[in-house]
Amino acid sequence: LLGAGLNALGAWLKCGSLAPQRYPLTLAAQAVCAVAQVFILGLPSRIASVWFGPTEVSTACAVAVLGNQLGTAIGFLLPPVLVPNTPNDIDLMAHNIGIMFYGTAIVSTLLFFLAGVVFEEKPKYPPSHSQAVLQTKPPEDYSYKQSIINLFKNIPFILLLISYGIMTGAFYSVSTLLNQMIVTHYEGEEVNAGRIGLTLVVAGMVGSIICGLWLDYTKTYKQTTLIVYILSFIGLLVFTFTLDLGYLIVVFVTGGVLGFFMTGYLPLGFEFAVEITYPESEGTSSGLLNASAQIFGIVFTLVQGKLTTDYSPRAGNIFLCAWIFVGIILTALIKSDLRRHNVNSGIMNLDVKAVPVDSPVESESTTLKIQSAL
């Protein structure tokens, strides 16, 4: 609710910043929307774990991540359509920007009210053993500070934190500088540069869903994460050394392949983190992953942008390739301790073992059986 509310507030502030002299208000509104992201980006793994069972959780997380990518895709498509370039008619441009801002504000407000009316905190019945165990613990016993300390003592999570930041930061950097890279080798192709960016995002949406389905089917978290990491590395290498061949169709294909694997990695990282950090909060682990991605993304964008401007797009991309290779090594070192999966499978017990039987399917009992771990 807080994330949706701040997003709506930022959108309405933008509506009040349409005059040129109110540009600082535009920046303030954008800052409010940026703060709202903090509460939204970490939700996929949390919602998936709380609402979906062991055979659905990874797919649900992937669909939620797809929502983020869908927003990016709409961002590639709608603004150029709603606000065409009319340098000779500033009033028309201001009118078009106003339509875009008010439309965004109305949609954001509608989503805020829907979040308050439609969504619930959690389902009536725990969808899995792992969630049933967590729900037996009183909320007042949870310590955010202690959870952070526990996560930073978890070596596999630290390795994943760095490797996730590298991969996602590289994706952010490529997405940010894609237009500059394309125009360097294909002058006057700004429109196609935007289409290539859209291709990258749409292919990534498909990759997210496929990776989520695969995880639910196989539960091979580390193997899948490592393979997708390696394929992303290969995809970036191919993209780098085919960018200057002079064939835009090749860039479309290689950009799509790159987006498929790099974006497909996002739900893998979230779900792998939840597995190796259980019973810590999914929101805490995913929040740290997003923070790592933002830090690496800022650094990579600045350095790659400098290399691209001073030397060539190839130099900037090779810089990213080197870091992704480091990420491959770190991923290979992660110990695959699937704690949540083990609890759901009955392999591992924590303090208690909870078996939800009070459900429409199993109506024999109206209580939640809790057995002390032996």
Protein backbone atom coordinates (compact mmCIF):
# COMPACT_ATOMS: atom_id res chain seq x y z
CA LEU A 1 0.00 0.00 0.00
CA LEU A 2 2.80 2.40 0.87
CA GLY A 3 4.53 1.75 -2.45
CA ALA A 4 1.34 2.19 -4.47
CA GLY A 5 0.42 5.30 -2.49
CA LEU A 6 3.79 6.97 -2.99
CA ASN A 7 3.70 6.10 -6.68
CA ALA A 8 0.28 7.75 -7.04
CA LEU A 9 1.46 10.79 -5.05
CA GLY A 10 4.51 11.20 -7.27
CA ALA A 11 2.36 10.90 -10.39
CA TRP A 12 0.01 13.67 -9.23
CA LEU A 13 2.95 15.89 -8.26
CA LYS A 14 4.17 15.57 -11.83
CA CYS A 15 0.81 16.86 -13.04
CA GLY A 16 1.44 20.04 -11.07
CA SER A 17 4.91 20.51 -12.56
CA LEU A 18 3.99 21.07 -16.21
CA ALA A 19 5.12 24.71 -16.31
CA PRO A 20 8.82 25.22 -17.20
CA GLN A 21 9.49 27.15 -13.99
CA ARG A 22 8.29 24.15 -11.96
CA TYR A 23 11.02 21.80 -13.13
CA PRO A 24 12.33 21.30 -9.55
CA LEU A 25 8.88 19.93 -8.67
CA THR A 26 9.27 17.42 -11.51
CA LEU A 27 12.52 16.21 -9.96
CA ALA A 28 10.91 16.00 -6.52
CA ALA A 29 8.00 14.01 -7.96
CA GLN A 30 10.40 11.63 -9.66
CA ALA A 31 12.23 11.19 -6.36
CA VAL A 32 8.93 10.22 -4.67
CA CYS A 33 8.27 7.65 -7.40
CA ALA A 34 11.81 6.34 -6.96
CA VAL A 35 11.23 5.86 -3.23
CA ALA A 36 8.03 3.96 -4.07
CA GLN A 37 10.13 1.48 -6.04
CA VAL A 38 11.84 0.40 -2.83
CA PHE A 39 8.54 -1.03 -1.59
CA ILE A 40 7.55 -2.57 -4.93
CA LEU A 41 10.66 -4.21 -6.40
CA GLY A 42 11.10 -6.66 -3.54
CA LEU A 43 7.52 -7.93 -3.60
CA PRO A 44 7.72 -10.78 -6.18
CA SER A 45 9.42 -13.35 -3.96
CA ARG A 46 7.41 -12.31 -0.89
CA ILE A 47 4.01 -12.55 -2.60
CA ALA A 48 4.94 -15.80 -4.32
CA SER A 49 6.06 -17.46 -1.07
CA VAL A 50 3.07 -16.33 1.00
CA TRP A 51 0.36 -17.12 -1.56
CA PHE A 52 1.60 -20.05 -3.66
CA GLY A 53 2.57 -23.65 -2.98
CA PRO A 54 5.89 -25.40 -3.69
CA THR A 55 4.94 -26.35 -7.28
CA GLU A 56 3.83 -22.81 -8.18
CA VAL A 57 6.05 -20.46 -6.22
CA SER A 58 8.82 -19.92 -8.79
CA THR A 59 6.36 -19.38 -11.63
CA ALA A 60 4.43 -16.89 -9.50
CA CYS A 61 7.65 -15.01 -8.74
CA ALA A 62 8.51 -14.97 -12.44
CA VAL A 63 5.08 -13.56 -13.34
CA ALA A 64 5.50 -10.82 -10.74
CA VAL A 65 8.95 -9.97 -12.14
CA LEU A 66 7.34 -9.95 -15.59
CA GLY A 67 5.08 -7.17 -14.32
CA ASN A 68 8.12 -4.98 -13.72
CA GLN A 69 9.40 -5.73 -17.21
CA LEU A 70 5.96 -5.06 -18.69
CA GLY A 71 6.08 -1.59 -17.21
CA THR A 72 9.46 -1.03 -18.83
CA ALA A 73 8.11 -2.24 -22.18
CA ILE A 74 5.17 0.16 -21.92
CA GLY A 75 7.70 2.88 -21.13
CA PHE A 76 9.45 2.14 -24.42
CA LEU A 77 6.18 2.22 -26.39
CA LEU A 78 3.78 4.84 -25.04
CA PRO A 79 5.83 8.04 -24.41
CA PRO A 80 6.99 8.41 -28.05
CA VAL A 81 3.39 7.86 -29.17
CA LEU A 82 1.77 10.20 -26.63
CA VAL A 83 4.49 12.87 -26.86
CA PRO A 84 5.80 13.01 -30.44
CA ASN A 85 8.73 15.31 -31.15
CA THR A 86 7.22 18.71 -32.08
CA PRO A 87 10.05 21.24 -31.57
CA ASN A 88 8.20 23.90 -33.58
CA ASP A 89 5.09 23.75 -31.39
CA ILE A 90 6.05 23.84 -27.72
CA ASP A 91 2.44 24.35 -26.60
CA LEU A 92 1.38 21.13 -28.33
CA MET A 93 4.28 19.28 -26.71
CA ALA A 94 3.25 20.61 -23.28
CA HIS A 95 -0.34 19.52 -23.93
CA ASN A 96 0.81 16.01 -24.88
CA ILE A 97 3.03 15.75 -21.81
CA GLY A 98 0.05 16.78 -19.69
CA ILE A 99 -2.06 13.99 -21.18
CA MET A 100 0.68 11.47 -20.38
CA PHE A 101 1.13 12.73 -16.81
CA TYR A 102 -2.60 12.81 -16.00
CA GLY A 103 -3.13 9.39 -17.57
CA THR A 104 -0.32 7.95 -15.46
CA ALA A 105 -1.71 9.59 -12.31
CA ILE A 106 -5.21 8.19 -12.88
CA VAL A 107 -3.90 4.66 -13.47
CA SER A 108 -1.61 4.88 -10.41
CA THR A 109 -4.48 6.08 -8.21
CA LEU A 110 -6.74 3.28 -9.44
CA LEU A 111 -4.04 0.72 -8.62
CA PHE A 112 -3.63 2.23 -5.16
CA PHE A 113 -7.34 1.81 -4.37
CA LEU A 114 -7.38 -1.70 -5.84
CA ALA A 115 -4.42 -2.66 -3.63
CA GLY A 116 -6.32 -1.46 -0.58
CA VAL A 117 -9.64 -3.08 -1.45
CA VAL A 118 -8.73 -6.31 -3.24
CA PHE A 119 -5.48 -7.58 -1.75
CA GLU A 120 -5.16 -9.35 1.59
CA GLU A 121 -2.08 -9.78 3.77
CA LYS A 122 -2.02 -13.57 3.44
CA PRO A 123 -4.33 -16.47 2.55
CA LYS A 124 -6.52 -18.15 5.13
CA TYR A 125 -4.58 -21.41 4.83
CA PRO A 126 -0.77 -21.63 4.50
CA PRO A 127 0.07 -22.82 0.97
CA SER A 128 3.11 -24.84 2.08
CA HIS A 129 4.81 -26.43 5.09
CA SER A 130 7.48 -23.73 5.06
CA GLN A 131 4.89 -20.97 5.37
CA ALA A 132 2.97 -22.89 8.03
CA VAL A 133 6.14 -23.09 10.13
CA LEU A 134 6.77 -19.36 9.81
CA GLN A 135 3.19 -18.49 10.76
CA THR A 136 3.53 -20.32 14.09
CA LYS A 137 6.06 -17.72 15.22
CA PRO A 138 4.61 -14.55 16.84
CA PRO A 139 5.22 -11.39 14.74
CA GLU A 140 6.66 -9.60 17.78
CA ASP A 141 9.51 -12.13 17.84
CA TYR A 142 10.73 -10.92 14.44
CA SER A 143 13.72 -8.58 14.48
CA TYR A 144 14.62 -6.81 11.24
CA LYS A 145 18.07 -5.98 12.60
CA GLN A 146 18.75 -9.59 13.56
CA SER A 147 17.50 -10.76 10.17
CA ILE A 148 20.00 -8.47 8.43
CA ILE A 149 22.80 -9.76 10.68
CA ASN A 150 21.84 -13.37 9.92
CA LEU A 151 21.85 -12.72 6.18
CA PHE A 152 25.30 -11.14 6.25
CA LYS A 153 26.60 -14.15 8.18
CA ASN A 154 25.26 -16.42 5.43
CA ILE A 155 28.22 -16.92 3.05
CA PRO A 156 26.17 -18.45 0.19
CA PHE A 157 23.84 -15.45 0.34
CA ILE A 158 26.77 -13.01 0.26
CA LEU A 159 28.08 -14.72 -2.88
CA LEU A 160 24.62 -14.55 -4.44
CA LEU A 161 24.24 -10.92 -3.36
CA ILE A 162 27.39 -9.96 -5.28
CA SER A 163 26.72 -12.15 -8.32
CA TYR A 164 23.10 -10.95 -8.55
CA GLY A 165 24.26 -7.34 -8.33
CA ILE A 166 26.78 -7.92 -11.12
CA MET A 167 24.29 -9.53 -13.51
CA THR A 168 21.39 -7.18 -12.87
CA GLY A 169 23.65 -4.14 -12.75
CA ALA A 170 25.08 -5.14 -16.14
CA PHE A 171 21.53 -5.45 -17.49
CA TYR A 172 20.66 -1.98 -16.19
CA SER A 173 23.80 -0.56 -17.77
CA VAL A 174 23.17 -2.17 -21.16
CA SER A 175 19.55 -0.98 -21.13
CA THR A 176 20.57 2.56 -20.23
CA LEU A 177 23.32 2.87 -22.84
CA LEU A 178 21.68 0.79 -25.59
CA ASN A 179 20.56 3.82 -27.60
CA GLN A 180 24.06 5.33 -27.50
CA MET A 181 25.64 2.04 -28.58
CA ILE A 182 23.24 1.59 -31.49
CA VAL A 183 23.48 5.17 -32.76
CA THR A 184 27.30 5.03 -32.65
CA HIS A 185 27.32 2.34 -35.34
CA TYR A 186 23.98 3.12 -37.04
CA GLU A 187 23.52 6.88 -37.39
CA GLY A 188 19.95 8.13 -37.56
CA GLU A 189 18.49 4.85 -36.26
CA GLU A 190 17.09 6.18 -33.01
CA VAL A 191 13.68 4.64 -33.73
CA ASN A 192 15.17 1.20 -34.33
CA ALA A 193 17.28 1.61 -31.20
CA GLY A 194 14.06 1.97 -29.23
CA ARG A 195 12.63 -1.09 -30.96
CA ILE A 196 15.72 -3.10 -30.10
CA GLY A 197 15.28 -2.04 -26.48
CA LEU A 198 11.67 -3.20 -26.63
CA THR A 199 12.80 -6.51 -28.14
CA LEU A 200 15.27 -6.96 -25.30
CA VAL A 201 12.55 -6.37 -22.69
CA VAL A 202 9.88 -8.54 -24.35
CA ALA A 203 12.34 -11.41 -24.81
CA GLY A 204 13.24 -11.02 -21.15
CA MET A 205 9.59 -11.34 -20.16
CA VAL A 206 9.43 -14.67 -21.99
CA GLY A 207 12.70 -15.74 -20.37
CA SER A 208 11.37 -14.93 -16.89
CA ILE A 209 8.30 -17.12 -17.32
CA ILE A 210 10.25 -20.04 -18.81
CA CYS A 211 12.84 -19.92 -16.03
CA GLY A 212 10.11 -19.82 -13.39
CA LEU A 213 8.30 -22.81 -14.89
CA TRP A 214 11.59 -24.71 -15.13
CA LEU A 215 12.40 -24.08 -11.46
CA ASP A 216 8.99 -25.30 -10.32
CA TYR A 217 9.42 -28.44 -12.41
CA THR A 218 13.03 -29.31 -11.51
CA LYS A 219 13.95 -27.43 -8.28
CA THR A 220 17.50 -27.18 -9.70
CA TYR A 221 18.17 -23.69 -8.37
CA LYS A 222 21.96 -23.51 -8.49
CA GLN A 223 22.34 -25.43 -11.74
CA THR A 224 19.75 -23.30 -13.53
CA THR A 225 21.16 -20.06 -12.13
CA LEU A 226 24.69 -20.99 -13.21
CA ILE A 227 23.63 -22.08 -16.71
CA VAL A 228 21.61 -18.89 -17.29
CA TYR A 229 24.57 -16.85 -16.01
CA ILE A 230 26.92 -18.55 -18.49
CA LEU A 231 24.46 -18.13 -21.37
CA SER A 232 24.10 -14.43 -20.50
CA PHE A 233 27.89 -14.10 -20.66
CA ILE A 234 27.95 -15.78 -24.07
CA GLY A 235 25.03 -13.65 -25.24
CA LEU A 236 26.79 -10.42 -24.26
CA LEU A 237 29.97 -11.54 -26.02
CA VAL A 238 28.06 -12.28 -29.22
CA PHE A 239 26.18 -8.97 -28.96
CA THR A 240 29.47 -7.11 -28.44
CA PHE A 241 31.31 -8.54 -31.44
CA THR A 242 28.36 -8.40 -33.86
CA LEU A 243 27.21 -4.88 -33.00
CA ASP A 244 29.40 -3.20 -35.62
CA LEU A 245 28.76 -5.61 -38.51
CA GLY A 246 26.34 -3.20 -40.16
CA TYR A 247 23.25 -5.44 -40.03
CA LEU A 248 20.48 -4.18 -37.75
CA ILE A 249 18.62 -7.49 -37.97
CA VAL A 250 21.60 -9.16 -36.30
CA VAL A 251 21.45 -6.62 -33.48
CA PHE A 252 17.72 -7.32 -33.06
CA VAL A 253 18.41 -11.05 -32.72
CA THR A 254 21.42 -10.78 -30.41
CA GLY A 255 19.67 -8.14 -28.30
CA GLY A 256 16.66 -10.42 -27.92
CA VAL A 257 18.83 -13.36 -26.89
CA LEU A 258 20.68 -11.17 -24.40
CA GLY A 259 17.44 -9.91 -22.87
CA PHE A 260 16.01 -13.45 -22.70
CA PHE A 261 18.80 -14.72 -20.47
CA MET A 262 19.71 -11.59 -18.48
CA THR A 263 16.11 -10.85 -17.52
CA GLY A 264 15.35 -14.54 -17.07
CA TYR A 265 17.98 -14.49 -14.34
CA LEU A 266 15.98 -12.04 -12.18
CA PRO A 267 13.39 -14.49 -10.75
CA LEU A 268 16.12 -17.13 -10.44
CA GLY A 269 18.11 -14.86 -8.15
CA PHE A 270 15.07 -14.01 -6.02
CA GLU A 271 14.00 -17.62 -5.60
CA PHE A 272 17.52 -18.94 -4.99
CA ALA A 273 17.96 -16.31 -2.27
CA VAL A 274 14.72 -17.33 -0.55
CA GLU A 275 15.83 -20.97 -0.60
CA ILE A 276 19.28 -20.47 0.93
CA THR A 277 18.14 -17.89 3.53
CA TYR A 278 14.95 -19.55 4.83
CA PRO A 279 13.46 -18.87 7.38
CA GLU A 280 14.52 -15.22 7.01
CA SER A 281 11.97 -12.87 5.46
CA GLU A 282 11.72 -12.98 1.67
CA GLY A 283 11.28 -9.22 1.60
CA THR A 284 14.57 -8.66 3.41
CA SER A 285 16.64 -10.88 1.12
CA SER A 286 15.05 -9.51 -2.06
CA GLY A 287 15.48 -5.95 -0.79
CA LEU A 288 19.20 -6.52 -0.31
CA LEU A 289 19.44 -8.06 -3.78
CA ASN A 290 17.77 -5.00 -5.29
CA ALA A 291 20.09 -2.69 -3.36
CA SER A 292 23.09 -4.59 -4.70
CA ALA A 293 21.70 -4.38 -8.23
CA GLN A 294 21.21 -0.61 -7.95
CA ILE A 295 24.74 -0.05 -6.63
CA PHE A 296 26.36 -2.15 -9.35
CA GLY A 297 24.02 -0.62 -11.94
CA ILE A 298 25.09 2.93 -11.10
CA VAL A 299 28.80 2.05 -11.13
CA PHE A 300 28.58 -0.01 -14.32
CA THR A 301 26.56 2.65 -16.15
CA LEU A 302 29.07 5.38 -15.27
CA VAL A 303 32.13 3.31 -16.20
CA GLN A 304 30.64 1.74 -19.33
CA GLY A 305 29.34 5.14 -20.45
CA LYS A 306 32.83 6.62 -20.06
CA LEU A 307 34.44 3.75 -21.98
CA THR A 308 31.81 3.95 -24.72
CA THR A 309 32.27 7.69 -25.14
CA ASP A 310 36.08 7.74 -24.96
CA TYR A 311 36.78 4.52 -26.85
CA SER A 312 33.94 2.46 -28.33
CA PRO A 313 30.84 0.46 -27.35
CA ARG A 314 32.98 -2.68 -27.62
CA ALA A 315 35.28 -1.46 -24.84
CA GLY A 316 32.33 -0.80 -22.54
CA ASN A 317 30.76 -4.18 -23.24
CA ILE A 318 34.03 -6.04 -22.69
CA PHE A 319 34.21 -4.33 -19.30
CA LEU A 320 30.80 -5.83 -18.46
CA CYS A 321 31.82 -9.23 -19.83
CA ALA A 322 34.80 -9.31 -17.47
CA TRP A 323 32.57 -8.64 -14.48
CA ILE A 324 29.97 -11.20 -15.54
CA PHE A 325 32.76 -13.78 -15.77
CA VAL A 326 33.57 -12.96 -12.13
CA GLY A 327 29.88 -13.47 -11.36
CA ILE A 328 30.00 -16.93 -12.95
CA ILE A 329 32.84 -17.93 -10.61
CA LEU A 330 30.98 -16.59 -7.56
CA THR A 331 27.79 -18.42 -8.56
CA ALA A 332 29.72 -21.68 -8.95
CA LEU A 333 30.99 -21.28 -5.37
CA ILE A 334 27.50 -20.94 -3.83
CA LYS A 335 26.53 -23.88 -1.64
CA SER A 336 23.11 -25.08 -2.75
CA ASP A 337 21.42 -25.50 0.64
CA LEU A 338 17.72 -25.53 -0.32
CA ARG A 339 16.27 -24.95 3.14
CA ARG A 340 12.73 -24.01 2.11
CA HIS A 341 12.49 -26.93 -0.30
CA ASN A 342 13.77 -29.32 2.37
CA VAL A 343 11.13 -28.14 4.84
CA ASN A 344 8.38 -28.50 2.23
CA SER A 345 9.66 -31.99 1.43
CA GLY A 346 9.84 -33.00 5.10
CA ILE A 347 13.61 -33.51 4.86
CA MET A 348 14.52 -30.84 7.39
CA ASN A 349 12.78 -29.59 10.50
CA LEU A 350 13.37 -26.25 12.20
CA ASP A 351 11.87 -25.56 15.62
CA VAL A 352 8.50 -27.00 14.66
CA LYS A 353 6.90 -28.91 11.87
CA ALA A 354 3.52 -27.54 10.82
CA VAL A 355 1.10 -29.47 8.66
CA PRO A 356 -1.92 -27.44 7.49
CA VAL A 357 -4.99 -29.66 7.46
CA ASP A 358 -7.67 -27.03 8.01
CA SER A 359 -8.44 -26.52 4.33
CA PRO A 360 -11.39 -26.99 1.98
CA VAL A 361 -9.64 -30.05 0.53
CA GLU A 362 -8.84 -31.71 3.85
CA SER A 363 -11.81 -30.98 6.07
CA GLU A 364 -11.27 -33.74 8.60
CA SER A 365 -9.86 -31.32 11.15
CA THR A 366 -10.30 -27.64 11.83
CA THR A 367 -6.98 -27.15 13.51
CA LEU A 368 -3.35 -26.77 12.46
CA LYS A 369 -1.33 -29.72 13.67
CA ILE A 370 1.93 -28.64 15.22
CA GLN A 371 4.39 -31.30 16.23
CA SER A 372 7.61 -30.69 18.09
CA ALA A 373 10.66 -31.56 16.04
CA LEU A 374 12.35 -34.73 17.12
